[in-house]
Each structure stands twice: as structure tokens, then as C-alpha cells.
N, C-alpha and C. Protein backbone atom coordinates (compact mmCIF):
# COMPACT_ATOMS: atom_id res chain seq x y z
N MET A 1 65.45 141.12 163.99
CA MET A 1 64.49 142.09 163.64
C MET A 1 65.26 142.57 162.56
N LYS A 2 66.20 143.13 162.55
CA LYS A 2 67.09 143.74 161.58
C LYS A 2 67.41 142.86 160.59
N ASN A 3 67.70 141.56 160.63
CA ASN A 3 67.53 140.73 159.52
C ASN A 3 66.37 140.51 158.71
N ILE A 4 65.29 140.52 159.39
CA ILE A 4 63.90 140.65 158.59
C ILE A 4 63.67 141.38 157.79
N ILE A 5 64.11 142.57 158.22
CA ILE A 5 63.80 144.06 157.46
C ILE A 5 64.87 144.19 156.18
N ILE A 6 65.93 143.69 156.35
CA ILE A 6 67.25 143.53 155.32
C ILE A 6 66.75 142.47 154.38
N SER A 7 66.18 141.46 154.83
CA SER A 7 65.53 140.19 153.83
C SER A 7 64.49 140.65 153.04
N LEU A 8 63.51 141.35 153.70
CA LEU A 8 62.54 142.00 153.14
C LEU A 8 62.81 143.14 151.87
N LEU A 9 63.78 143.95 152.25
CA LEU A 9 64.23 144.92 151.51
C LEU A 9 64.77 144.25 150.24
N ILE A 10 65.56 143.29 150.50
CA ILE A 10 66.23 142.76 149.27
C ILE A 10 65.35 142.00 148.47
N LEU A 11 64.29 141.18 148.94
CA LEU A 11 63.48 140.49 148.20
C LEU A 11 62.39 141.56 147.33
N THR A 12 62.18 142.72 148.07
CA THR A 12 61.52 143.64 147.13
C THR A 12 62.20 144.16 146.10
N LEU A 13 63.63 144.24 146.24
CA LEU A 13 64.23 144.79 145.07
C LEU A 13 64.43 143.73 144.27
N LEU A 14 64.61 142.46 144.49
CA LEU A 14 64.61 141.75 143.56
C LEU A 14 63.58 141.29 142.64
N THR A 15 62.21 141.45 143.35
CA THR A 15 61.10 141.37 142.82
C THR A 15 60.79 142.41 141.78
N ALA A 16 61.12 143.51 142.18
CA ALA A 16 61.11 144.86 141.48
C ALA A 16 61.95 144.93 140.03
N THR A 17 62.99 144.29 140.29
CA THR A 17 64.14 143.98 139.16
C THR A 17 63.75 143.08 138.10
N ILE A 18 62.84 142.11 138.58
CA ILE A 18 62.60 140.88 137.75
C ILE A 18 61.08 141.51 136.80
N VAL A 19 60.27 142.04 137.65
CA VAL A 19 59.25 142.81 136.89
C VAL A 19 59.63 143.68 135.88
N LEU A 20 60.39 144.56 136.07
CA LEU A 20 61.02 145.66 135.27
C LEU A 20 61.78 145.07 134.00
N GLN A 21 62.48 143.93 134.01
CA GLN A 21 63.12 143.26 133.13
C GLN A 21 62.31 142.48 132.21
N SER A 22 61.10 142.11 132.67
CA SER A 22 60.22 141.08 131.93
C SER A 22 59.21 142.11 131.18
N CYS A 23 59.20 143.34 131.31
CA CYS A 23 58.41 144.25 130.54
C CYS A 23 58.41 144.21 129.10
N ASP A 24 57.69 144.49 128.31
CA ASP A 24 57.68 144.44 126.69
C ASP A 24 58.40 145.79 126.40
N LYS A 25 59.73 145.61 125.87
CA LYS A 25 60.31 147.29 125.75
C LYS A 25 59.46 147.66 124.43
N GLU A 26 58.91 147.04 123.38
CA GLU A 26 58.31 147.49 122.14
C GLU A 26 57.08 148.28 122.86
N ALA A 27 56.46 147.80 123.68
CA ALA A 27 55.16 148.70 124.09
C ALA A 27 55.41 149.69 124.75
N LEU A 28 56.74 149.96 125.45
CA LEU A 28 57.12 151.19 126.00
C LEU A 28 57.72 152.24 125.22
N LYS A 29 57.98 151.77 123.98
CA LYS A 29 58.48 152.74 122.89
C LYS A 29 57.32 153.32 122.15
N LEU A 30 56.11 152.93 122.28
CA LEU A 30 55.01 153.26 121.43
C LEU A 30 54.49 155.05 121.70
N ASP A 31 54.70 155.73 120.89
CA ASP A 31 54.31 157.23 121.10
C ASP A 31 52.87 157.33 120.80
N PRO A 32 52.13 157.73 121.74
CA PRO A 32 50.88 158.02 121.52
C PRO A 32 50.37 159.04 120.66
N ARG A 33 51.19 159.85 120.65
CA ARG A 33 50.87 160.96 119.54
C ARG A 33 50.90 160.28 118.20
N LYS A 34 51.53 159.27 117.79
CA LYS A 34 51.49 158.83 116.51
C LYS A 34 50.66 157.57 116.37
N ALA A 35 50.11 157.08 117.84
CA ALA A 35 49.29 156.00 117.69
C ALA A 35 47.89 156.19 117.38
N ILE A 36 47.44 157.68 117.36
CA ILE A 36 45.73 158.09 117.39
C ILE A 36 45.69 158.53 115.94
N LEU A 37 46.87 158.92 115.19
CA LEU A 37 46.79 159.59 113.94
C LEU A 37 46.06 158.66 112.99
N GLY A 38 45.03 159.28 112.34
CA GLY A 38 44.52 158.43 111.23
C GLY A 38 43.08 159.00 111.24
N LYS A 39 41.92 158.34 110.34
CA LYS A 39 40.64 158.52 110.31
C LYS A 39 40.00 157.54 111.02
N TRP A 40 39.15 157.80 111.91
CA TRP A 40 38.14 156.92 112.83
C TRP A 40 36.87 157.16 112.72
N GLU A 41 35.92 156.01 112.64
CA GLU A 41 34.59 155.89 112.84
C GLU A 41 34.09 155.27 113.65
N GLU A 42 32.97 155.74 114.53
CA GLU A 42 32.30 154.87 115.29
C GLU A 42 31.59 153.65 114.55
N THR A 43 32.06 152.60 115.07
CA THR A 43 31.39 151.18 114.35
C THR A 43 30.31 150.35 115.27
N TYR A 44 30.71 150.54 116.46
CA TYR A 44 30.09 149.85 117.49
C TYR A 44 29.87 150.63 118.79
N TYR A 45 28.53 150.46 119.37
CA TYR A 45 28.21 151.40 120.36
C TYR A 45 27.53 150.39 121.65
N GLY A 46 28.21 150.78 122.90
CA GLY A 46 27.96 149.85 123.88
C GLY A 46 29.12 149.86 124.98
N SER A 47 28.79 149.26 125.96
CA SER A 47 29.67 149.39 127.40
C SER A 47 30.42 148.15 127.43
N ASP A 48 29.95 146.84 127.00
CA ASP A 48 30.67 145.58 126.82
C ASP A 48 30.38 144.78 125.85
N ASP A 49 31.06 143.59 125.76
CA ASP A 49 30.79 142.71 124.75
C ASP A 49 29.25 142.12 124.49
N ASN A 50 28.50 142.09 125.41
CA ASN A 50 26.96 141.66 125.51
C ASN A 50 26.24 142.65 124.97
N ASN A 51 26.50 144.03 125.35
CA ASN A 51 25.99 144.91 124.71
C ASN A 51 25.94 145.82 123.70
N LEU A 52 26.78 145.27 122.69
CA LEU A 52 27.08 146.03 121.55
C LEU A 52 26.21 146.18 120.49
N ILE A 53 25.92 147.36 119.99
CA ILE A 53 25.11 147.69 118.75
C ILE A 53 26.01 148.23 117.69
N THR A 54 25.60 147.66 116.55
CA THR A 54 26.52 147.81 115.37
C THR A 54 25.90 148.98 114.67
N ILE A 55 26.77 149.86 114.24
CA ILE A 55 26.32 150.91 113.50
C ILE A 55 26.86 150.78 112.21
N ASP A 56 25.75 150.92 111.39
CA ASP A 56 26.13 150.39 109.79
C ASP A 56 26.51 151.72 108.97
N ASP A 57 25.74 152.80 109.27
CA ASP A 57 26.12 154.01 108.52
C ASP A 57 26.56 155.24 109.58
N PRO A 58 27.91 155.20 109.91
CA PRO A 58 28.08 156.36 110.87
C PRO A 58 27.67 157.77 110.43
N LEU A 59 27.37 158.58 111.28
CA LEU A 59 27.33 160.02 110.83
C LEU A 59 28.58 160.71 110.56
N VAL A 60 29.52 160.70 111.31
CA VAL A 60 30.69 161.53 111.06
C VAL A 60 32.04 160.49 110.99
N SER A 61 33.06 161.04 110.34
CA SER A 61 34.31 160.52 110.84
C SER A 61 35.23 161.62 111.48
N ILE A 62 36.14 160.99 112.17
CA ILE A 62 37.11 162.14 112.72
C ILE A 62 38.30 161.63 112.55
N GLU A 63 38.98 162.59 111.71
CA GLU A 63 40.66 162.27 111.39
C GLU A 63 41.69 163.10 112.37
N PHE A 64 42.42 162.53 112.86
CA PHE A 64 43.49 163.16 113.66
C PHE A 64 44.60 163.38 113.02
N LEU A 65 44.88 164.38 112.60
CA LEU A 65 46.08 164.71 111.74
C LEU A 65 47.27 165.38 112.59
N PRO A 66 48.47 165.25 112.07
CA PRO A 66 49.69 165.70 112.72
C PRO A 66 49.50 167.32 113.42
N ASP A 67 50.12 167.59 114.30
CA ASP A 67 50.17 168.92 114.65
C ASP A 67 48.99 169.35 115.56
N SER A 68 48.24 168.27 116.01
CA SER A 68 47.20 168.37 116.91
C SER A 68 45.56 169.01 116.15
N VAL A 69 45.72 168.40 114.94
CA VAL A 69 44.63 169.06 114.01
C VAL A 69 43.61 168.05 113.97
N ILE A 70 42.57 168.27 114.35
CA ILE A 70 41.22 167.44 114.26
C ILE A 70 40.41 167.87 113.09
N ARG A 71 40.00 166.79 112.01
CA ARG A 71 39.15 167.24 111.01
C ARG A 71 38.26 166.34 111.15
N TYR A 72 36.81 166.79 111.21
CA TYR A 72 35.60 166.24 111.22
C TYR A 72 34.79 166.06 109.75
N TYR A 73 34.33 165.19 109.42
CA TYR A 73 33.50 164.99 108.02
C TYR A 73 31.98 164.40 108.46
N ASP A 74 31.14 165.40 108.00
CA ASP A 74 29.91 164.84 108.17
C ASP A 74 29.18 164.29 106.67
N TYR A 75 28.94 163.06 106.96
CA TYR A 75 28.35 162.32 105.56
C TYR A 75 27.40 162.74 105.14
N GLU A 76 26.24 163.28 106.00
CA GLU A 76 25.08 163.64 105.50
C GLU A 76 24.99 164.91 104.64
N PHE A 77 25.92 165.91 105.17
CA PHE A 77 26.01 167.11 104.30
C PHE A 77 27.23 167.27 103.59
N GLN A 78 28.25 166.27 103.83
CA GLN A 78 29.37 166.04 102.90
C GLN A 78 30.33 167.61 102.97
N THR A 79 30.45 167.90 104.39
CA THR A 79 31.22 169.07 104.71
C THR A 79 32.47 168.57 105.68
N PHE A 80 33.48 169.41 105.57
CA PHE A 80 34.49 169.08 106.70
C PHE A 80 34.59 170.28 107.70
N SER A 81 34.85 170.18 108.72
CA SER A 81 35.36 170.93 109.75
C SER A 81 36.36 170.83 110.49
N TYR A 82 37.01 171.80 111.20
CA TYR A 82 38.12 171.60 111.69
C TYR A 82 38.13 172.01 113.19
């Protein structure tokens, strides 16, 4: 019984080591604070690929700026808000 537990523990550690070594290192280095920065507009609406509705003229744009600032631009009234 003791040998089975030790064998399972070694197998678990070996599996964990292989999984961690095979992870993409570049994906782990991505900083989410920088990944979202930029101007965003809603171009599609829906819950999955079969129910997508295209939005030709978005109403607003949202811009994520450094230091946690979000700027909204309303196309109809041509105004910014923060």
C-alpha cells in the first residue's frame, strides 16, 4: 500500500512538472493592464457565432487610457466624457 501511494505521488509530481514546462511563457508575461489600453467600439452583438448581429454605426467608443482613465465618446453629440 505504501508503494502505491509513493508511486501515485511521483506520477502526480511528474505530470505537474510536464504540464508547467509545456506552458507558453509569452502568454504568462502578458500584462492585462496594457492589453486593454486603446480605443474600443462594439461591432457585433450576440451570444455566439450563430446569433451575431453586426453593428454598422456604433453609438459610442470607449478608450482605455493609462492610469485607469476611461474616456467615452458619443458619436451623435460629438462629446467626450471621462
